[in-house]
PDB file of N, CA and C in Angstrom:
ATOM      1  N   MET A   1      99.012  18.236 163.681  1.00  0.00           N
ATOM      2  CA  MET A   1      97.621  17.913 163.882  1.00  0.00           C
ATOM      3  C   MET A   1      96.816  19.210 163.899  1.00  0.00           C
ATOM      4  N   THR A   2      95.743  19.256 163.149  1.00  0.00           N
ATOM      5  CA  THR A   2      94.911  20.452 163.102  1.00  0.00           C
ATOM      6  C   THR A   2      93.683  20.267 163.964  1.00  0.00           C
ATOM      7  N   THR A   3      93.197  21.374 164.466  1.00  0.00           N
ATOM      8  CA  THR A   3      91.977  21.332 165.278  1.00  0.00           C
ATOM      9  C   THR A   3      90.914  22.166 164.606  1.00  0.00           C
ATOM     10  N   LYS A   4      89.674  21.801 164.821  1.00  0.00           N
ATOM     11  CA  LYS A   4      88.565  22.550 164.247  1.00  0.00           C
ATOM     12  C   LYS A   4      88.207  23.709 165.160  1.00  0.00           C
ATOM     13  N   THR A   5      87.904  24.837 164.549  1.00  0.00           N
ATOM     14  CA  THR A   5      87.463  26.003 165.320  1.00  0.00           C
ATOM     15  C   THR A   5      86.005  26.262 165.010  1.00  0.00           C
ATOM     16  N   SER A   6      85.350  27.001 165.894  1.00  0.00           N
ATOM     17  CA  SER A   6      83.944  27.305 165.666  1.00  0.00           C
ATOM     18  C   SER A   6      83.803  28.264 164.493  1.00  0.00           C
ATOM     19  N   LYS A   7      82.720  28.150 163.766  1.00  0.00           N
ATOM     20  CA  LYS A   7      82.502  28.961 162.570  1.00  0.00           C
ATOM     21  C   LYS A   7      81.917  30.324 162.900  1.00  0.00           C
ATOM     22  N   SER A   8      81.444  30.551 164.130  1.00  0.00           N
ATOM     23  CA  SER A   8      80.762  31.800 164.444  1.00  0.00           C
ATOM     24  C   SER A   8      81.687  33.006 164.298  1.00  0.00           C
ATOM     25  N   VAL A   9      82.747  33.050 165.052  1.00  0.00           N
ATOM     26  CA  VAL A   9      83.702  34.155 164.945  1.00  0.00           C
ATOM     27  C   VAL A   9      85.104  33.583 165.083  1.00  0.00           C
ATOM     28  N   ALA A  10      85.881  33.707 164.031  1.00  0.00           N
ATOM     29  CA  ALA A  10      87.259  33.239 164.071  1.00  0.00           C
ATOM     30  C   ALA A  10      88.102  34.255 164.833  1.00  0.00           C
ATOM     31  N   SER A  11      89.283  33.847 165.270  1.00  0.00           N
ATOM     32  CA  SER A  11      90.132  34.781 165.992  1.00  0.00           C
ATOM     33  C   SER A  11      90.555  35.898 165.048  1.00  0.00           C
ATOM     34  N   GLY A  12      90.657  37.089 165.579  1.00  0.00           N
ATOM     35  CA  GLY A  12      91.023  38.226 164.756  1.00  0.00           C
ATOM     36  C   GLY A  12      89.831  38.892 164.104  1.00  0.00           C
ATOM     37  N   LYS A  13      88.625  38.495 164.471  1.00  0.00           N
ATOM     38  CA  LYS A  13      87.408  39.085 163.921  1.00  0.00           C
ATOM     39  C   LYS A  13      86.590  39.700 165.047  1.00  0.00           C
ATOM     40  N   ILE A  14      85.785  40.693 164.706  1.00  0.00           N
ATOM     41  CA  ILE A  14      84.922  41.348 165.679  1.00  0.00           C
ATOM     42  C   ILE A  14      83.535  41.495 165.064  1.00  0.00           C
ATOM     43  N   GLN A  15      82.499  41.179 165.839  1.00  0.00           N
ATOM     44  CA  GLN A  15      81.122  41.327 165.385  1.00  0.00           C
ATOM     45  C   GLN A  15      80.572  42.645 165.896  1.00  0.00           C
ATOM     46  N   LEU A  16      79.991  43.419 164.999  1.00  0.00           N
ATOM     47  CA  LEU A  16      79.432  44.716 165.348  1.00  0.00           C
ATOM     48  C   LEU A  16      77.959  44.747 164.987  1.00  0.00           C
ATOM     49  N   LYS A  17      77.166  45.463 165.802  1.00  0.00           N
ATOM     50  CA  LYS A  17      75.741  45.606 165.543  1.00  0.00           C
ATOM     51  C   LYS A  17      75.384  47.086 165.591  1.00  0.00           C
ATOM     52  N   TRP A  18      74.646  47.537 164.583  1.00  0.00           N
ATOM     53  CA  TRP A  18      74.173  48.924 164.539  1.00  0.00           C
ATOM     54  C   TRP A  18      72.863  48.970 165.302  1.00  0.00           C
ATOM     55  N   VAL A  19      72.846  49.663 166.458  1.00  0.00           N
ATOM     56  CA  VAL A  19      71.702  49.601 167.354  1.00  0.00           C
ATOM     57  C   VAL A  19      70.892  50.892 167.438  1.00  0.00           C
ATOM     58  N   ARG A  20      71.409  51.997 166.937  1.00  0.00           N
ATOM     59  CA  ARG A  20      70.689  53.260 167.059  1.00  0.00           C
ATOM     60  C   ARG A  20      70.798  54.051 165.762  1.00  0.00           C
ATOM     61  N   SER A  21      69.731  54.706 165.387  1.00  0.00           N
ATOM     62  CA  SER A  21      69.698  55.450 164.139  1.00  0.00           C
ATOM     63  C   SER A  21      70.667  56.622 164.165  1.00  0.00           C
ATOM     64  N   ALA A  22      71.186  56.956 162.994  1.00  0.00           N
ATOM     65  CA  ALA A  22      72.132  58.056 162.857  1.00  0.00           C
ATOM     66  C   ALA A  22      71.464  59.303 162.289  1.00  0.00           C
ATOM     67  N   ILE A  23      70.147  59.399 162.397  1.00  0.00           N
ATOM     68  CA  ILE A  23      69.419  60.511 161.783  1.00  0.00           C
ATOM     69  C   ILE A  23      69.833  61.863 162.357  1.00  0.00           C
ATOM     70  N   CYS A  24      69.841  62.015 163.656  1.00  0.00           N
ATOM     71  CA  CYS A  24      70.145  63.315 164.271  1.00  0.00           C
ATOM     72  C   CYS A  24      71.583  63.385 164.780  1.00  0.00           C
ATOM     73  N   THR A  25      72.489  62.744 164.090  1.00  0.00           N
ATOM     74  CA  THR A  25      73.886  62.768 164.493  1.00  0.00           C
ATOM     75  C   THR A  25      74.683  63.634 163.515  1.00  0.00           C
ATOM     76  N   PRO A  26      75.853  64.081 163.911  1.00  0.00           N
ATOM     77  CA  PRO A  26      76.691  64.859 162.996  1.00  0.00           C
ATOM     78  C   PRO A  26      77.094  64.048 161.760  1.00  0.00           C
ATOM     79  N   VAL A  27      77.447  64.738 160.711  1.00  0.00           N
ATOM     80  CA  VAL A  27      77.818  64.097 159.449  1.00  0.00           C
ATOM     81  C   VAL A  27      79.008  63.166 159.640  1.00  0.00           C
ATOM     82  N   LYS A  28      79.949  63.524 160.492  1.00  0.00           N
ATOM     83  CA  LYS A  28      81.114  62.661 160.749  1.00  0.00           C
ATOM     84  C   LYS A  28      80.682  61.306 161.290  1.00  0.00           C
ATOM     85  N   HIS A  29      79.692  61.293 162.180  1.00  0.00           N
ATOM     86  CA  HIS A  29      79.219  60.030 162.743  1.00  0.00           C
ATOM     87  C   HIS A  29      78.548  59.181 161.667  1.00  0.00           C
ATOM     88  N   LYS A  30      77.782  59.825 160.796  1.00  0.00           N
ATOM     89  CA  LYS A  30      77.134  59.093 159.706  1.00  0.00           C
ATOM     90  C   LYS A  30      78.169  58.473 158.775  1.00  0.00           C
ATOM     91  N   LYS A  31      79.250  59.193 158.520  1.00  0.00           N
ATOM     92  CA  LYS A  31      80.307  58.674 157.654  1.00  0.00           C
ATOM     93  C   LYS A  31      81.045  57.506 158.292  1.00  0.00           C
ATOM     94  N   VAL A  32      81.202  57.537 159.610  1.00  0.00           N
ATOM     95  CA  VAL A  32      81.851  56.425 160.311  1.00  0.00           C
ATOM     96  C   VAL A  32      80.988  55.170 160.211  1.00  0.00           C
ATOM     97  N   VAL A  33      79.683  55.320 160.421  1.00  0.00           N
ATOM     98  CA  VAL A  33      78.776  54.175 160.332  1.00  0.00           C
ATOM     99  C   VAL A  33      78.794  53.606 158.917  1.00  0.00           C
ATOM    100  N   LYS A  34      78.771  54.471 157.931  1.00  0.00           N
ATOM    101  CA  LYS A  34      78.833  54.039 156.530  1.00  0.00           C
ATOM    102  C   LYS A  34      80.182  53.381 156.226  1.00  0.00           C
ATOM    103  N   GLY A  35      81.250  53.932 156.786  1.00  0.00           N
ATOM    104  CA  GLY A  35      82.583  53.387 156.568  1.00  0.00           C
ATOM    105  C   GLY A  35      82.778  52.015 157.180  1.00  0.00           C
ATOM    106  N   LEU A  36      82.065  51.736 158.262  1.00  0.00           N
ATOM    107  CA  LEU A  36      82.118  50.405 158.861  1.00  0.00           C
ATOM    108  C   LEU A  36      81.423  49.374 157.987  1.00  0.00           C
ATOM    109  N   GLY A  37      80.525  49.836 157.121  1.00  0.00           N
ATOM    110  CA  GLY A  37      79.861  48.918 156.205  1.00  0.00           C
ATOM    111  C   GLY A  37      78.412  48.638 156.531  1.00  0.00           C
ATOM    112  N   PHE A  38      77.822  49.397 157.426  1.00  0.00           N
ATOM    113  CA  PHE A  38      76.419  49.186 157.770  1.00  0.00           C
ATOM    114  C   PHE A  38      75.514  49.762 156.695  1.00  0.00           C
ATOM    115  N   THR A  39      74.411  49.053 156.421  1.00  0.00           N
ATOM    116  CA  THR A  39      73.427  49.538 155.464  1.00  0.00           C
ATOM    117  C   THR A  39      72.034  49.667 156.082  1.00  0.00           C
ATOM    118  N   ARG A  40      71.773  48.963 157.186  1.00  0.00           N
ATOM    119  CA  ARG A  40      70.460  49.067 157.819  1.00  0.00           C
ATOM    120  C   ARG A  40      70.586  48.849 159.326  1.00  0.00           C
ATOM    121  N   LEU A  41      69.604  49.331 160.033  1.00  0.00           N
ATOM    122  CA  LEU A  41      69.575  49.252 161.488  1.00  0.00           C
ATOM    123  C   LEU A  41      69.442  47.799 161.946  1.00  0.00           C
ATOM    124  N   ASN A  42      70.032  47.477 163.073  1.00  0.00           N
ATOM    125  CA  ASN A  42      70.050  46.134 163.674  1.00  0.00           C
ATOM    126  C   ASN A  42      70.813  45.111 162.827  1.00  0.00           C
ATOM    127  N   GLN A  43      71.649  45.586 161.942  1.00  0.00           N
ATOM    128  CA  GLN A  43      72.473  44.706 161.122  1.00  0.00           C
ATOM    129  C   GLN A  43      73.710  44.295 161.911  1.00  0.00           C
ATOM    130  N   VAL A  44      74.091  43.033 161.807  1.00  0.00           N
ATOM    131  CA  VAL A  44      75.300  42.526 162.443  1.00  0.00           C
ATOM    132  C   VAL A  44      76.305  42.226 161.340  1.00  0.00           C
ATOM    133  N   ILE A  45      77.519  42.775 161.484  1.00  0.00           N
ATOM    134  CA  ILE A  45      78.572  42.559 160.505  1.00  0.00           C
ATOM    135  C   ILE A  45      79.815  42.038 161.205  1.00  0.00           C
ATOM    136  N   VAL A  46      80.681  41.402 160.452  1.00  0.00           N
ATOM    137  CA  VAL A  46      81.946  40.892 160.978  1.00  0.00           C
ATOM    138  C   VAL A  46      83.071  41.645 160.281  1.00  0.00           C
ATOM    139  N   ARG A  47      83.960  42.210 161.068  1.00  0.00           N
ATOM    140  CA  ARG A  47      85.096  42.964 160.544  1.00  0.00           C
ATOM    141  C   ARG A  47      86.371  42.448 161.203  1.00  0.00           C
ATOM    142  N   PRO A  48      87.522  42.670 160.578  1.00  0.00           N
ATOM    143  CA  PRO A  48      88.780  42.283 161.224  1.00  0.00           C
ATOM    144  C   PRO A  48      89.009  43.115 162.475  1.00  0.00           C
ATOM    145  N   ASP A  49      89.572  42.507 163.494  1.00  0.00           N
ATOM    146  CA  ASP A  49      89.813  43.197 164.771  1.00  0.00           C
ATOM    147  C   ASP A  49      91.133  43.950 164.674  1.00  0.00           C
ATOM    148  N   THR A  50      91.077  45.139 164.067  1.00  0.00           N
ATOM    149  CA  THR A  50      92.263  45.963 163.903  1.00  0.00           C
ATOM    150  C   THR A  50      92.102  47.261 164.689  1.00  0.00           C
ATOM    151  N   ALA A  51      93.188  47.976 164.822  1.00  0.00           N
ATOM    152  CA  ALA A  51      93.151  49.250 165.537  1.00  0.00           C
ATOM    153  C   ALA A  51      92.267  50.261 164.815  1.00  0.00           C
ATOM    154  N   ALA A  52      92.235  50.223 163.499  1.00  0.00           N
ATOM    155  CA  ALA A  52      91.413  51.158 162.732  1.00  0.00           C
ATOM    156  C   ALA A  52      89.920  50.934 162.988  1.00  0.00           C
ATOM    157  N   ILE A  53      89.503  49.677 162.976  1.00  0.00           N
ATOM    158  CA  ILE A  53      88.098  49.353 163.218  1.00  0.00           C
ATOM    159  C   ILE A  53      87.728  49.693 164.653  1.00  0.00           C
ATOM    160  N   ARG A  54      88.608  49.355 165.609  1.00  0.00           N
ATOM    161  CA  ARG A  54      88.352  49.694 167.015  1.00  0.00           C
ATOM    162  C   ARG A  54      88.223  51.202 167.202  1.00  0.00           C
ATOM    163  N   GLY A  55      89.041  51.973 166.497  1.00  0.00           N
ATOM    164  CA  GLY A  55      88.975  53.424 166.582  1.00  0.00           C
ATOM    165  C   GLY A  55      87.676  53.973 166.027  1.00  0.00           C
ATOM    166  N   MET A  56      87.191  53.372 164.940  1.00  0.00           N
ATOM    167  CA  MET A  56      85.916  53.803 164.368  1.00  0.00           C
ATOM    168  C   MET A  56      84.767  53.508 165.322  1.00  0.00           C
ATOM    169  N   VAL A  57      84.811  52.348 165.958  1.00  0.00           N
ATOM    170  CA  VAL A  57      83.765  51.989 166.916  1.00  0.00           C
ATOM    171  C   VAL A  57      83.824  52.922 168.124  1.00  0.00           C
ATOM    172  N   LYS A  58      85.006  53.314 168.507  1.00  0.00           N
ATOM    173  CA  LYS A  58      85.169  54.208 169.662  1.00  0.00           C
ATOM    174  C   LYS A  58      84.593  55.594 169.392  1.00  0.00           C
ATOM    175  N   LYS A  59      84.532  56.004 168.124  1.00  0.00           N
ATOM    176  CA  LYS A  59      83.972  57.306 167.765  1.00  0.00           C
ATOM    177  C   LYS A  59      82.450  57.327 167.867  1.00  0.00           C
ATOM    178  N   VAL A  60      81.804  56.180 167.699  1.00  0.00           N
ATOM    179  CA  VAL A  60      80.339  56.133 167.734  1.00  0.00           C
ATOM    180  C   VAL A  60      79.821  55.033 168.670  1.00  0.00           C
ATOM    181  N   PRO A  61      80.235  55.047 169.943  1.00  0.00           N
ATOM    182  CA  PRO A  61      79.797  53.964 170.839  1.00  0.00           C
ATOM    183  C   PRO A  61      78.294  54.023 171.152  1.00  0.00           C
ATOM    184  N   HIS A  62      77.678  55.171 170.940  1.00  0.00           N
ATOM    185  CA  HIS A  62      76.257  55.323 171.199  1.00  0.00           C
ATOM    186  C   HIS A  62      75.404  54.773 170.053  1.00  0.00           C
ATOM    187  N   LEU A  63      76.022  54.470 168.908  1.00  0.00           N
ATOM    188  CA  LEU A  63      75.289  53.951 167.757  1.00  0.00           C
ATOM    189  C   LEU A  63      75.579  52.486 167.480  1.00  0.00           C
ATOM    190  N   VAL A  64      76.771  52.031 167.860  1.00  0.00           N
ATOM    191  CA  VAL A  64      77.234  50.685 167.507  1.00  0.00           C
ATOM    192  C   VAL A  64      77.629  49.947 168.787  1.00  0.00           C
ATOM    193  N   GLU A  65      77.364  48.642 168.801  1.00  0.00           N
ATOM    194  CA  GLU A  65      77.825  47.843 169.939  1.00  0.00           C
ATOM    195  C   GLU A  65      78.559  46.617 169.435  1.00  0.00           C
ATOM    196  N   ILE A  66      79.446  46.106 170.275  1.00  0.00           N
ATOM    197  CA  ILE A  66      80.197  44.902 169.954  1.00  0.00           C
ATOM    198  C   ILE A  66      79.398  43.702 170.451  1.00  0.00           C
ATOM    199  N   VAL A  67      79.115  42.770 169.545  1.00  0.00           N
ATOM    200  CA  VAL A  67      78.336  41.572 169.871  1.00  0.00           C
ATOM    201  C   VAL A  67      79.306  40.463 170.221  1.00  0.00           C
ATOM    202  N   LYS A  68      78.999  39.697 171.237  1.00  0.00           N
ATOM    203  CA  LYS A  68      79.881  38.594 171.639  1.00  0.00           C
ATOM    204  C   LYS A  68      79.514  37.330 170.936  1.00  0.00           C
TER     205      LYS A  68
END
């Protein structure tokens, strides 16, 4: 028997929001934000919940937040 899950965020996914500009940040931080896939401020994206993505978010916690 199968059960329906909510469409908002499936298990194994993480929602990220870019909340602060990367203008006056080091180049490494800008590359991390770009590597996560952000293109504009206040954008919410869904990425797989892996150690690599968590590590990238940990490098720029002042620019990105995890949305519930």
